[in-house]
N, C-alpha and C. Protein backbone atom coordinates (compact mmCIF):
# COMPACT_ATOMS: atom_id res chain seq x y z
N UNK A 1 105.19 83.00 108.24
CA UNK A 1 104.95 81.45 107.19
C UNK A 1 104.51 82.17 105.91
N UNK A 2 105.47 81.73 104.38
CA UNK A 2 105.48 82.18 103.22
C UNK A 2 104.13 81.92 103.12
N UNK A 3 103.05 82.19 102.34
CA UNK A 3 101.88 81.65 101.58
C UNK A 3 102.03 81.98 99.70
N UNK A 4 101.69 81.44 98.88
CA UNK A 4 102.65 81.19 98.00
C UNK A 4 100.69 80.97 96.56
N UNK A 5 100.58 82.33 96.60
CA UNK A 5 99.24 81.53 95.92
C UNK A 5 99.25 81.28 93.92
N UNK A 6 99.21 80.76 93.56
CA UNK A 6 99.52 80.60 91.87
C UNK A 6 98.33 79.93 91.38
N UNK A 7 97.90 80.75 90.23
CA UNK A 7 96.68 80.49 89.26
C UNK A 7 97.00 80.46 87.72
N UNK A 8 97.19 79.39 86.93
CA UNK A 8 97.47 79.40 85.63
C UNK A 8 95.75 79.64 85.01
N UNK A 9 96.31 80.15 83.64
CA UNK A 9 95.31 80.40 82.32
C UNK A 9 95.53 80.12 81.40
N UNK A 10 94.97 80.13 80.40
CA UNK A 10 95.27 80.06 78.83
C UNK A 10 94.56 81.33 78.11
N UNK A 11 95.43 82.05 77.43
CA UNK A 11 94.56 83.06 76.78
C UNK A 11 95.08 83.13 75.78
N UNK A 12 94.10 82.72 74.78
CA UNK A 12 94.17 82.58 73.33
C UNK A 12 95.64 81.24 72.71
N UNK A 13 96.40 82.10 72.36
CA UNK A 13 97.51 80.97 71.91
C UNK A 13 98.86 81.22 73.41
N UNK A 14 98.31 81.82 74.33
CA UNK A 14 99.82 82.14 75.32
C UNK A 14 98.81 82.02 76.82
N UNK A 15 99.73 81.03 77.54
CA UNK A 15 99.47 80.76 78.78
C UNK A 15 100.46 82.10 79.80
N UNK A 16 98.60 82.43 80.71
CA UNK A 16 99.60 83.38 82.11
C UNK A 16 99.12 82.66 83.11
N UNK A 17 100.10 83.01 84.09
CA UNK A 17 99.88 82.86 85.22
C UNK A 17 100.33 83.74 86.48
N UNK A 18 99.12 84.35 87.12
CA UNK A 18 98.64 85.12 88.02
C UNK A 18 99.46 84.49 89.63
N UNK A 19 100.84 85.53 90.30
CA UNK A 19 101.54 85.04 91.38
C UNK A 19 100.97 85.82 92.11
N UNK A 20 100.81 85.47 93.69
CA UNK A 20 100.54 86.05 94.81
C UNK A 20 101.30 85.43 95.51
N UNK A 21 102.65 86.67 96.25
CA UNK A 21 102.86 85.92 97.58
C UNK A 21 103.03 86.71 98.63
N UNK A 22 102.29 86.19 99.71
CA UNK A 22 102.52 86.67 100.97
C UNK A 22 103.07 86.18 102.40
N UNK A 23 104.41 87.68 102.20
CA UNK A 23 105.28 86.79 103.06
C UNK A 23 104.86 87.78 104.45
N UNK A 24 105.20 87.62 105.53
CA UNK A 24 104.74 88.47 106.40
C UNK A 24 106.01 89.28 106.89
N UNK A 25 107.99 89.21 105.98
CA UNK A 25 108.56 89.73 106.64
C UNK A 25 108.01 91.01 105.98
N UNK A 26 108.05 90.79 104.51
CA UNK A 26 107.79 91.72 103.56
C UNK A 26 106.33 92.31 102.49
N UNK A 27 106.06 93.19 101.62
CA UNK A 27 104.83 93.35 101.80
C UNK A 27 104.69 92.26 100.88
N UNK A 28 103.07 92.15 100.26
CA UNK A 28 102.10 91.18 99.22
C UNK A 28 102.68 91.81 98.29
N UNK A 29 102.95 90.17 97.10
CA UNK A 29 104.06 90.75 96.28
C UNK A 29 103.15 89.52 95.25
N UNK A 30 102.51 90.73 93.99
CA UNK A 30 101.88 89.82 93.23
C UNK A 30 101.88 90.21 91.34
N UNK A 31 101.95 89.84 90.28
CA UNK A 31 101.71 90.19 89.28
C UNK A 31 101.66 88.66 88.22
N UNK A 32 101.53 89.51 87.14
CA UNK A 32 101.46 88.35 86.17
C UNK A 32 102.37 87.91 85.05
N UNK A 33 102.21 86.80 84.75
CA UNK A 33 103.66 86.23 83.43
C UNK A 33 103.30 85.15 82.56
N UNK A 34 103.59 85.47 81.96
CA UNK A 34 103.46 84.33 80.58
C UNK A 34 104.46 82.79 80.76
N UNK A 35 105.44 82.67 81.92
CA UNK A 35 106.23 82.29 82.57
C UNK A 35 105.41 81.15 83.44
N UNK A 36 105.77 79.97 83.29
CA UNK A 36 105.18 78.62 84.28
C UNK A 36 106.39 78.78 85.43
N UNK A 37 105.43 79.29 86.61
CA UNK A 37 105.85 79.22 87.64
C UNK A 37 107.16 77.30 88.26
N UNK A 38 106.50 76.45 87.55
CA UNK A 38 106.58 75.27 87.71
C UNK A 38 108.43 75.17 87.24
N UNK A 39 108.84 75.88 86.16
CA UNK A 39 109.77 75.89 85.59
C UNK A 39 110.91 76.18 86.08
N UNK A 40 111.08 77.19 87.53
CA UNK A 40 111.59 77.70 88.18
C UNK A 40 111.63 76.57 89.71
N UNK A 41 111.12 75.62 89.88
CA UNK A 41 111.15 75.19 91.26
C UNK A 41 112.49 74.47 91.34
N UNK A 42 112.67 74.45 92.35
CA UNK A 42 114.36 73.86 92.37
C UNK A 42 113.75 72.74 94.19
N UNK A 43 114.52 71.83 94.74
CA UNK A 43 114.01 71.18 95.83
C UNK A 43 114.20 71.85 96.93
N UNK A 44 114.45 73.40 97.02
CA UNK A 44 114.66 74.29 98.16
C UNK A 44 113.15 74.62 97.92
N UNK A 45 113.19 75.38 96.85
CA UNK A 45 112.13 76.64 96.53
C UNK A 45 111.28 76.43 96.05
N UNK A 46 109.59 77.07 96.08
CA UNK A 46 108.94 77.09 95.24
C UNK A 46 109.04 77.92 93.74
N UNK A 47 108.69 77.43 92.80
CA UNK A 47 108.85 78.54 91.76
C UNK A 47 108.39 79.42 92.08
N UNK A 48 107.13 79.89 91.71
CA UNK A 48 106.99 80.97 91.99
C UNK A 48 107.77 82.09 92.52
N UNK A 49 108.14 81.72 94.17
CA UNK A 49 109.12 81.98 94.71
C UNK A 49 110.27 82.60 94.09
N UNK A 50 111.03 81.48 93.10
CA UNK A 50 112.32 81.82 92.92
C UNK A 50 111.97 83.15 91.32
N UNK A 51 110.99 83.23 90.40
CA UNK A 51 110.38 83.92 89.68
C UNK A 51 109.95 85.15 89.76
N UNK A 52 109.42 85.34 91.72
CA UNK A 52 109.33 86.82 92.31
C UNK A 52 110.64 87.41 92.26
N UNK A 53 111.69 86.69 93.08
CA UNK A 53 112.99 87.20 93.01
C UNK A 53 113.65 88.18 91.39
N UNK A 54 113.55 86.83 90.63
CA UNK A 54 113.65 87.00 89.17
C UNK A 54 113.20 88.64 89.42
N UNK A 55 112.09 88.44 89.28
CA UNK A 55 110.77 89.72 89.10
C UNK A 55 111.24 91.13 89.70
N UNK A 56 111.47 90.96 90.85
CA UNK A 56 112.66 92.27 91.83
C UNK A 56 113.58 92.60 90.69
N UNK A 57 114.52 91.73 90.34
CA UNK A 57 115.94 92.30 89.76
C UNK A 57 115.70 93.04 88.83
N UNK A 58 114.77 92.76 88.41
CA UNK A 58 114.04 93.56 86.92
C UNK A 58 113.22 95.01 87.40
N UNK A 59 112.49 95.12 88.55
CA UNK A 59 111.66 95.85 88.59
C UNK A 59 112.61 96.94 89.09
N UNK A 60 113.70 97.08 89.48
CA UNK A 60 114.15 98.91 89.75
C UNK A 60 115.11 99.49 88.39
N UNK A 61 115.12 98.11 87.61
CA UNK A 61 115.31 98.49 85.69
C UNK A 61 114.34 99.64 85.13
N UNK A 62 112.96 98.54 85.62
CA UNK A 62 112.14 99.29 85.20
C UNK A 62 111.65 100.35 85.27
N UNK A 63 111.57 100.35 86.74
CA UNK A 63 111.56 101.24 87.93
C UNK A 63 112.39 102.87 87.20
N UNK A 64 114.11 102.78 87.00
CA UNK A 64 114.43 103.90 86.52
C UNK A 64 114.19 104.51 85.00
N UNK A 65 113.82 103.08 84.78
CA UNK A 65 113.41 104.03 82.86
C UNK A 65 112.82 104.59 82.42
N UNK A 66 111.12 103.88 83.32
CA UNK A 66 109.77 105.17 83.94
C UNK A 66 110.41 106.27 84.31
N UNK A 67 111.29 106.17 85.61
CA UNK A 67 111.24 107.93 85.92
C UNK A 67 112.53 108.74 84.90
N UNK A 68 113.53 108.21 84.39
CA UNK A 68 113.93 108.88 82.74
C UNK A 68 113.05 109.64 82.27
N UNK A 69 112.48 108.65 81.77
CA UNK A 69 110.73 108.78 81.02
C UNK A 69 109.93 109.81 80.97
N UNK A 70 109.33 109.72 82.39
CA UNK A 70 108.88 111.05 82.84
C UNK A 70 109.02 111.97 83.15
N UNK A 71 110.16 112.09 83.18
CA UNK A 71 111.15 113.26 84.72
C UNK A 71 111.98 113.97 83.93
N UNK A 72 112.61 113.08 83.35
CA UNK A 72 113.73 113.90 82.66
C UNK A 72 114.05 113.63 81.32
N UNK A 73 113.28 112.90 80.72
CA UNK A 73 113.43 113.18 78.72
C UNK A 73 112.25 114.20 78.44
N UNK A 74 113.10 114.97 77.88
CA UNK A 74 112.77 115.85 77.18
C UNK A 74 111.59 115.96 75.89
N UNK A 75 110.49 115.85 75.70
CA UNK A 75 110.01 115.86 74.51
C UNK A 75 110.08 116.16 72.88
N UNK A 76 110.80 115.12 72.16
CA UNK A 76 111.28 115.21 70.89
C UNK A 76 110.04 115.23 69.67
N UNK A 77 109.80 115.73 68.51
CA UNK A 77 109.42 115.33 67.56
C UNK A 77 110.04 115.07 66.47
N UNK A 78 111.34 114.70 66.71
CA UNK A 78 112.22 114.69 65.79
C UNK A 78 112.29 113.35 65.08
N UNK A 79 112.90 113.45 64.16
CA UNK A 79 112.54 111.72 63.62
C UNK A 79 114.26 111.33 63.58
N UNK A 80 115.49 111.97 63.80
CA UNK A 80 116.29 111.93 63.55
C UNK A 80 116.65 111.11 64.94
N UNK A 81 117.24 109.82 64.64
CA UNK A 81 117.78 108.90 65.48
C UNK A 81 118.93 109.52 66.72
N UNK A 82 120.03 110.20 65.42
CA UNK A 82 120.62 110.81 66.83
C UNK A 82 120.43 111.96 67.67
N UNK A 83 119.68 112.53 66.89
CA UNK A 83 118.46 113.47 68.04
C UNK A 83 117.92 112.92 69.22
N UNK A 84 117.41 111.47 68.91
CA UNK A 84 116.53 110.88 69.83
C UNK A 84 117.56 110.74 71.23
N UNK A 85 118.23 110.35 70.24
CA UNK A 85 119.49 109.26 71.43
C UNK A 85 120.57 110.03 72.41
N UNK A 86 120.58 111.10 71.88
CA UNK A 86 121.34 112.41 72.59
C UNK A 86 120.04 112.87 73.51
N UNK A 87 118.98 112.25 73.32
CA UNK A 87 118.04 113.49 74.05
C UNK A 87 118.13 111.83 75.36
N UNK A 88 118.43 111.34 74.51
CA UNK A 88 117.99 109.97 75.66
C UNK A 88 119.52 109.84 76.28
N UNK A 89 120.40 109.93 75.94
CA UNK A 89 121.77 110.04 77.14
C UNK A 89 121.39 111.19 78.01
N UNK A 90 121.75 112.00 77.28
CA UNK A 90 121.41 113.63 78.42
C UNK A 90 120.22 113.08 80.00
N UNK A 91 118.80 113.03 79.34
CA UNK A 91 118.41 112.20 80.35
C UNK A 91 118.96 110.76 81.26
N UNK A 92 119.81 110.42 80.98
CA UNK A 92 119.94 109.06 81.54
C UNK A 92 121.23 109.87 82.33
N UNK A 93 122.02 110.95 82.11
CA UNK A 93 122.80 111.41 82.50
C UNK A 93 122.08 112.36 83.64
N UNK A 94 121.00 113.44 83.16
CA UNK A 94 120.48 113.62 84.29
C UNK A 94 119.57 112.84 85.51
N UNK A 95 119.33 111.80 85.57
CA UNK A 95 118.94 110.96 86.13
C UNK A 95 120.29 110.74 87.10
N UNK A 96 121.10 109.95 87.11
CA UNK A 96 121.66 109.59 87.36
C UNK A 96 122.65 110.70 87.90
N UNK A 97 122.62 111.88 88.29
CA UNK A 97 123.02 113.31 88.69
C UNK A 97 121.79 113.25 90.13
N UNK A 98 121.09 112.95 89.70
CA UNK A 98 119.66 113.04 90.88
C UNK A 98 119.81 112.25 91.68
N UNK A 99 120.01 110.83 91.23
CA UNK A 99 120.33 109.83 92.16
C UNK A 99 121.62 109.88 93.16
N UNK A 100 122.87 110.17 92.77
CA UNK A 100 123.67 110.75 93.38
C UNK A 100 123.58 111.95 94.36
N UNK A 101 122.76 112.64 93.52
CA UNK A 101 122.55 113.82 94.22
C UNK A 101 121.43 113.30 96.01
N UNK A 102 120.79 112.31 95.32
CA UNK A 102 119.67 111.76 96.54
C UNK A 102 120.79 111.34 97.77
N UNK A 103 121.81 110.09 97.30
CA UNK A 103 122.56 109.25 97.79
C UNK A 103 123.60 110.52 98.75
N UNK A 104 123.82 111.33 98.05
CA UNK A 104 124.42 112.46 98.86
C UNK A 104 124.08 113.17 99.62
N UNK A 105 123.34 113.61 99.78
CA UNK A 105 122.04 114.60 100.68
C UNK A 105 121.19 113.21 101.48
N UNK A 106 120.97 112.23 101.42
CA UNK A 106 120.63 111.22 102.53
C UNK A 106 122.00 111.38 103.48
N UNK A 107 122.76 110.96 102.87
CA UNK A 107 124.29 110.49 103.75
C UNK A 107 124.78 112.08 104.51
N UNK A 108 124.19 113.21 104.19
CA UNK A 108 125.20 113.46 104.98
C UNK A 108 124.04 114.37 105.71
N UNK A 109 122.39 113.91 105.35
CA UNK A 109 121.44 114.57 106.51
C UNK A 109 120.47 113.69 107.14
N UNK A 110 121.27 113.40 107.80
CA UNK A 110 120.09 112.07 108.52
C UNK A 110 119.02 112.22 109.25
N UNK A 111 119.11 113.84 109.37
CA UNK A 111 117.51 114.05 109.72
C UNK A 111 116.50 114.35 109.27
N UNK A 112 117.04 115.31 107.99
CA UNK A 112 116.29 114.92 106.65
C UNK A 112 115.34 114.30 106.59
N UNK A 113 113.71 114.97 106.28
CA UNK A 113 112.43 114.44 106.00
C UNK A 113 112.65 114.11 104.57
N UNK A 114 112.28 112.40 104.07
CA UNK A 114 112.77 112.22 102.72
C UNK A 114 111.06 112.25 102.43
N UNK A 115 111.18 112.50 100.87
CA UNK A 115 109.92 112.82 100.44
C UNK A 115 109.31 111.39 99.84
N UNK A 116 107.39 111.32 100.20
CA UNK A 116 106.75 110.25 99.66
C UNK A 116 107.41 109.15 98.88
N UNK A 117 108.06 109.94 98.14
CA UNK A 117 108.87 108.74 97.07
C UNK A 117 110.50 107.45 98.19
N UNK A 118 110.43 108.46 98.94
CA UNK A 118 111.98 107.89 99.54
C UNK A 118 112.90 109.09 99.25
N UNK A 119 113.01 109.75 98.45
CA UNK A 119 114.09 110.85 98.06
C UNK A 119 113.85 112.15 97.99
N UNK A 120 115.73 112.42 98.41
CA UNK A 120 115.58 113.76 99.03
C UNK A 120 115.70 114.34 98.90
N UNK A 121 115.96 114.58 97.21
CA UNK A 121 115.36 116.08 95.92
C UNK A 121 114.17 115.44 95.20
N UNK A 122 113.05 115.63 95.16
CA UNK A 122 112.49 115.52 94.36
C UNK A 122 113.08 115.40 92.86
N UNK A 123 112.64 115.45 91.52
CA UNK A 123 113.16 115.72 90.53
C UNK A 123 113.31 117.01 89.63
N UNK A 124 111.88 117.66 90.09
CA UNK A 124 111.89 118.87 89.20
C UNK A 124 112.42 119.74 90.13
N UNK A 125 112.63 119.69 92.29
CA UNK A 125 113.69 120.79 92.57
C UNK A 125 115.20 120.83 92.04
N UNK A 126 115.80 118.93 91.99
CA UNK A 126 116.84 118.95 91.63
C UNK A 126 117.01 119.98 89.83
N UNK A 127 116.19 119.47 89.01
CA UNK A 127 116.10 120.41 87.67
C UNK A 127 116.22 121.75 88.21
N UNK A 128 115.41 122.32 88.36
CA UNK A 128 115.39 123.58 88.98
C UNK A 128 116.70 124.18 89.16
N UNK A 129 117.05 123.62 90.52
CA UNK A 129 118.28 124.26 90.95
C UNK A 129 118.91 123.95 89.77
N UNK A 130 119.33 123.34 88.95
CA UNK A 130 120.36 122.95 88.48
C UNK A 130 120.10 124.51 87.28
N UNK A 131 119.35 125.00 86.89
CA UNK A 131 118.90 125.92 85.94
C UNK A 131 119.12 127.67 86.87
N UNK A 132 118.73 127.02 88.05
CA UNK A 132 118.74 128.28 88.68
C UNK A 132 120.26 128.38 89.18
N UNK A 133 121.59 127.79 88.65
CA UNK A 133 122.38 127.68 90.22
C UNK A 133 123.03 128.86 89.84
N UNK A 134 123.40 129.84 90.19
CA UNK A 134 124.77 130.93 89.85
C UNK A 134 126.25 130.50 89.76
N UNK A 135 126.34 129.14 90.05
CA UNK A 135 127.89 128.57 90.33
C UNK A 135 128.19 128.26 88.61
N UNK A 136 129.22 128.34 89.10
CA UNK A 136 130.08 127.64 87.40
C UNK A 136 130.34 126.69 87.81
N UNK A 137 130.96 125.95 86.62
CA UNK A 137 131.52 124.69 86.91
C UNK A 137 132.70 124.43 85.71
N UNK A 138 133.70 123.85 86.52
CA UNK A 138 135.41 123.60 85.99
C UNK A 138 134.93 121.95 85.74
N UNK A 139 135.38 122.26 84.10
CA UNK A 139 134.87 120.76 84.05
C UNK A 139 136.53 121.24 82.52
N UNK A 140 137.23 119.93 82.77
CA UNK A 140 138.35 119.86 81.73
C UNK A 140 137.73 119.63 79.52
N UNK A 141 138.29 119.46 79.60
CA UNK A 141 138.29 118.75 78.12
C UNK A 141 138.56 116.93 78.26
N UNK A 142 138.06 117.09 77.22
CA UNK A 142 137.97 115.75 76.88
C UNK A 142 139.05 115.25 75.76
N UNK A 143 140.25 114.20 75.69
CA UNK A 143 141.08 114.17 74.80
C UNK A 143 140.23 114.08 73.51
N UNK A 144 140.81 114.32 71.96
CA UNK A 144 139.45 113.66 70.64
C UNK A 144 139.96 112.67 70.29
N UNK A 145 140.62 111.62 71.03
CA UNK A 145 141.33 110.47 70.53
C UNK A 145 140.75 109.17 72.24
N UNK A 146 139.79 109.51 72.80
CA UNK A 146 138.77 109.10 74.43
C UNK A 146 137.66 109.44 74.16
N UNK A 147 136.95 109.54 72.47
CA UNK A 147 135.39 110.21 72.91
C UNK A 147 135.13 108.53 71.74
N UNK A 148 134.09 108.37 72.46
CA UNK A 148 133.23 106.95 71.78
C UNK A 148 132.66 106.86 70.82
N UNK A 149 132.27 105.90 69.73
CA UNK A 149 132.32 106.17 68.39
C UNK A 149 130.36 106.80 68.84
N UNK A 150 129.47 106.21 69.74
CA UNK A 150 128.14 106.63 70.00
C UNK A 150 128.52 108.75 70.28
N UNK A 151 129.12 109.29 70.65
CA UNK A 151 129.24 110.62 70.65
C UNK A 151 129.76 111.40 69.12
N UNK A 152 130.44 110.47 68.27
CA UNK A 152 131.02 110.69 66.67
C UNK A 152 129.58 110.87 66.25
N UNK A 153 128.79 109.73 65.97
CA UNK A 153 127.42 110.00 65.43
C UNK A 153 126.57 110.56 65.90
N UNK A 154 126.19 110.76 67.39
CA UNK A 154 125.63 112.39 67.83
C UNK A 154 126.15 113.33 66.50
N UNK A 155 127.70 113.86 67.58
CA UNK A 155 128.26 114.48 66.42
C UNK A 155 127.84 114.79 64.89
N UNK A 156 127.93 113.51 64.02
CA UNK A 156 127.49 113.37 62.64
C UNK A 156 126.21 114.31 62.44
N UNK A 157 125.14 113.72 63.56
CA UNK A 157 123.12 113.95 62.92
C UNK A 157 123.15 115.66 63.62
N UNK A 158 124.48 116.32 64.66
CA UNK A 158 123.81 117.53 64.14
C UNK A 158 124.80 118.11 62.90
N UNK A 159 125.72 117.66 62.32
CA UNK A 159 126.55 118.55 61.51
C UNK A 159 125.35 118.49 60.09
């Protein structure tokens, strides 16, 4: 049986709700929000349950951003937005490559022990292998007309 506990309070001028969802088929879910769970209630479902489902959709995005920021984004003291955008784009590219490498690795080797974070490759091992790999990559040229405005903005920032 699904148990949902919700309590609300007012902090200054902001209303806050704490939701605890105890689902025997899933892990215990708990979070704070400034949204009122009653706004999301339907005839079939409790508002806290609907709100938790919406939050779960955001958790993947938030986790991905945190991993990019903490494991792949180089530190920069530059105040140039073009430089910072380039570094963030590069970090996203590395993160996406790492995600694909984990998917391919898990698909190829069902018996491999995953790390405690559920990944086939740890981020640091993946990045080290990219640096130390002596193999060359054959990549073609991108035609000039197919570059995005974003790339042009970055190019201007470095000239």
